[in-house]
Amino acid sequence: MKFRKLMPNFSVRDVGDSVKFYQDILAFKFEMAVQDGTTTIENEISNETEYAYAMLSCALCFMGTGLS
C-alpha cells in the first residue's frame, strides 16, 4: 500500500493558542477552523472565539488540532 498523504491530528487545550504557535514559530499556514459547539467552517480565527478544531498546512504537510 502506498500513502499519498499523511495528516496528523493533535489534541490540545487551546486551539487558538496552538494555531498561533504553529503560524508564528513554525510558519504553518492557517486553512480553517470550526467554532466549539458548531459545524460551521471559518476561514479566519478570532481571539474572542473558542474553537473545537483547526487545520493548518505547510509546504510538505497538513495538520489538525482539536480540543483535548
N, C-alpha and C. Protein backbone atom coordinates (compact mmCIF):
# COMPACT_ATOMS: atom_id res chain seq x y z
N MET A 1 0.84 -1.17 0.00
CA MET A 1 0.00 0.00 0.00
C MET A 1 0.89 1.24 0.00
N LYS A 2 0.56 2.23 -0.84
CA LYS A 2 1.33 3.46 -0.93
C LYS A 2 0.48 4.62 -0.41
N PHE A 3 1.02 5.36 0.57
CA PHE A 3 0.32 6.53 1.10
C PHE A 3 0.55 7.72 0.19
N ARG A 4 -0.51 8.50 -0.01
CA ARG A 4 -0.38 9.74 -0.78
C ARG A 4 -0.32 10.95 0.12
N LYS A 5 -0.91 10.84 1.31
CA LYS A 5 -0.93 11.97 2.23
C LYS A 5 -1.04 11.45 3.65
N LEU A 6 -0.34 12.09 4.56
CA LEU A 6 -0.41 11.77 5.97
C LEU A 6 -0.81 13.04 6.71
N MET A 7 -1.85 12.95 7.54
CA MET A 7 -2.35 14.13 8.25
C MET A 7 -2.47 13.84 9.73
N PRO A 8 -1.47 14.25 10.53
CA PRO A 8 -1.55 14.00 11.97
C PRO A 8 -2.57 14.94 12.62
N ASN A 9 -3.20 14.49 13.69
CA ASN A 9 -4.13 15.29 14.49
C ASN A 9 -3.63 15.29 15.92
N PHE A 10 -3.61 16.46 16.54
CA PHE A 10 -3.15 16.60 17.91
C PHE A 10 -4.28 17.13 18.78
N SER A 11 -4.46 16.54 19.96
CA SER A 11 -5.40 17.07 20.96
C SER A 11 -4.68 18.14 21.75
N VAL A 12 -5.29 19.32 21.87
CA VAL A 12 -4.66 20.44 22.56
C VAL A 12 -5.65 21.07 23.52
N ARG A 13 -5.15 21.84 24.46
CA ARG A 13 -6.03 22.52 25.42
C ARG A 13 -6.64 23.78 24.84
N ASP A 14 -5.91 24.49 23.98
CA ASP A 14 -6.41 25.74 23.41
C ASP A 14 -6.06 25.76 21.92
N VAL A 15 -7.07 25.61 21.08
CA VAL A 15 -6.85 25.56 19.63
C VAL A 15 -6.28 26.88 19.13
N GLY A 16 -6.81 28.01 19.61
CA GLY A 16 -6.33 29.32 19.17
C GLY A 16 -4.86 29.54 19.49
N ASP A 17 -4.44 29.18 20.70
CA ASP A 17 -3.02 29.30 21.07
C ASP A 17 -2.15 28.38 20.22
N SER A 18 -2.64 27.19 19.94
CA SER A 18 -1.88 26.24 19.11
C SER A 18 -1.72 26.77 17.69
N VAL A 19 -2.79 27.34 17.13
CA VAL A 19 -2.71 27.92 15.79
C VAL A 19 -1.66 29.02 15.77
N LYS A 20 -1.69 29.89 16.77
CA LYS A 20 -0.72 30.99 16.83
C LYS A 20 0.71 30.46 16.87
N PHE A 21 0.96 29.42 17.68
CA PHE A 21 2.29 28.83 17.76
C PHE A 21 2.75 28.28 16.40
N TYR A 22 1.90 27.48 15.78
CA TYR A 22 2.28 26.87 14.50
C TYR A 22 2.45 27.91 13.39
N GLN A 23 1.69 29.00 13.45
CA GLN A 23 1.86 30.06 12.46
C GLN A 23 3.12 30.87 12.73
N ASP A 24 3.28 31.35 13.96
CA ASP A 24 4.37 32.28 14.29
C ASP A 24 5.73 31.61 14.39
N ILE A 25 5.79 30.42 14.96
CA ILE A 25 7.07 29.76 15.20
C ILE A 25 7.47 28.82 14.07
N LEU A 26 6.52 28.06 13.55
CA LEU A 26 6.83 27.04 12.54
C LEU A 26 6.40 27.41 11.12
N ALA A 27 5.83 28.60 10.95
CA ALA A 27 5.45 29.14 9.63
C ALA A 27 4.40 28.29 8.90
N PHE A 28 3.49 27.66 9.66
CA PHE A 28 2.37 26.96 9.04
C PHE A 28 1.35 27.97 8.54
N LYS A 29 0.56 27.59 7.57
CA LYS A 29 -0.50 28.44 7.02
C LYS A 29 -1.84 27.98 7.59
N PHE A 30 -2.62 28.92 8.11
CA PHE A 30 -3.95 28.61 8.62
C PHE A 30 -4.86 28.29 7.45
N GLU A 31 -5.60 27.18 7.54
CA GLU A 31 -6.53 26.77 6.48
C GLU A 31 -7.98 26.99 6.87
N MET A 32 -8.38 26.52 8.06
CA MET A 32 -9.76 26.67 8.51
C MET A 32 -9.88 26.29 9.98
N ALA A 33 -11.02 26.71 10.58
CA ALA A 33 -11.31 26.37 11.97
C ALA A 33 -12.79 26.12 12.12
N VAL A 34 -13.15 25.34 13.14
CA VAL A 34 -14.56 25.08 13.47
C VAL A 34 -14.76 25.56 14.91
N GLN A 35 -15.70 26.49 15.06
CA GLN A 35 -16.01 27.03 16.38
C GLN A 35 -16.57 25.93 17.27
N ASP A 36 -16.19 25.95 18.56
CA ASP A 36 -16.66 24.96 19.51
C ASP A 36 -18.18 24.98 19.59
N GLY A 37 -18.82 23.82 19.48
CA GLY A 37 -20.26 23.69 19.57
C GLY A 37 -21.00 23.89 18.25
N THR A 38 -20.27 24.06 17.15
CA THR A 38 -20.90 24.24 15.84
C THR A 38 -20.24 23.31 14.81
N THR A 39 -20.77 23.33 13.61
CA THR A 39 -20.14 22.62 12.49
C THR A 39 -19.77 23.59 11.37
N THR A 40 -19.82 24.89 11.68
CA THR A 40 -19.53 25.92 10.69
C THR A 40 -18.03 26.08 10.50
N ILE A 41 -17.59 26.04 9.26
CA ILE A 41 -16.17 26.23 8.93
C ILE A 41 -15.90 27.72 8.79
N GLU A 42 -14.86 28.19 9.47
CA GLU A 42 -14.46 29.60 9.41
C GLU A 42 -13.10 29.72 8.73
N ASN A 43 -12.94 30.77 7.94
CA ASN A 43 -11.71 30.98 7.17
C ASN A 43 -10.71 31.88 7.87
N GLU A 44 -11.07 32.39 9.03
CA GLU A 44 -10.12 33.16 9.83
C GLU A 44 -10.39 32.87 11.29
N ILE A 45 -9.39 33.12 12.13
CA ILE A 45 -9.51 32.79 13.54
C ILE A 45 -9.56 34.08 14.34
N SER A 46 -10.36 34.07 15.41
CA SER A 46 -10.55 35.25 16.26
C SER A 46 -10.08 34.93 17.67
N ASN A 47 -9.48 35.91 18.33
CA ASN A 47 -9.03 35.72 19.71
C ASN A 47 -10.19 35.61 20.69
N GLU A 48 -11.37 36.10 20.32
CA GLU A 48 -12.53 36.10 21.20
C GLU A 48 -13.36 34.81 21.12
N THR A 49 -12.99 33.89 20.24
CA THR A 49 -13.80 32.70 19.98
C THR A 49 -13.05 31.45 20.40
N GLU A 50 -13.78 30.48 20.96
CA GLU A 50 -13.19 29.17 21.27
C GLU A 50 -13.46 28.24 20.09
N TYR A 51 -12.45 27.49 19.71
CA TYR A 51 -12.55 26.60 18.56
C TYR A 51 -12.40 25.15 19.00
N ALA A 52 -13.10 24.26 18.30
CA ALA A 52 -13.01 22.83 18.57
C ALA A 52 -11.94 22.18 17.69
N TYR A 53 -11.67 22.79 16.54
CA TYR A 53 -10.77 22.17 15.57
C TYR A 53 -10.19 23.24 14.66
N ALA A 54 -8.97 23.05 14.23
CA ALA A 54 -8.36 23.92 13.22
C ALA A 54 -7.46 23.08 12.33
N MET A 55 -7.31 23.51 11.08
CA MET A 55 -6.43 22.83 10.15
C MET A 55 -5.39 23.83 9.66
N LEU A 56 -4.14 23.38 9.67
CA LEU A 56 -3.03 24.19 9.18
C LEU A 56 -2.25 23.39 8.16
N SER A 57 -1.47 24.07 7.35
CA SER A 57 -0.66 23.36 6.36
C SER A 57 0.71 24.01 6.24
N CYS A 58 1.64 23.26 5.70
CA CYS A 58 2.95 23.78 5.32
C CYS A 58 3.24 23.22 3.94
N ALA A 59 4.37 23.55 3.40
CA ALA A 59 4.68 23.13 2.04
C ALA A 59 4.63 21.61 1.86
N LEU A 60 4.98 20.86 2.89
CA LEU A 60 5.08 19.41 2.77
C LEU A 60 4.07 18.64 3.60
N CYS A 61 3.19 19.34 4.37
CA CYS A 61 2.33 18.59 5.28
C CYS A 61 1.05 19.34 5.60
N PHE A 62 0.07 18.60 6.16
CA PHE A 62 -1.15 19.16 6.73
C PHE A 62 -1.23 18.68 8.16
N MET A 63 -1.88 19.48 9.02
CA MET A 63 -2.00 19.10 10.41
C MET A 63 -3.31 19.63 10.96
N GLY A 64 -3.94 18.87 11.84
CA GLY A 64 -5.15 19.32 12.52
C GLY A 64 -4.94 19.36 14.01
N THR A 65 -5.58 20.32 14.69
CA THR A 65 -5.56 20.37 16.14
C THR A 65 -6.98 20.44 16.63
N GLY A 66 -7.26 19.80 17.75
CA GLY A 66 -8.60 19.80 18.32
C GLY A 66 -8.54 19.81 19.83
N LEU A 67 -9.65 20.16 20.43
CA LEU A 67 -9.71 20.21 21.90
C LEU A 67 -9.46 18.84 22.50
N SER A 68 -8.75 18.82 23.63
CA SER A 68 -8.48 17.54 24.31
C SER A 68 -9.52 17.27 25.35
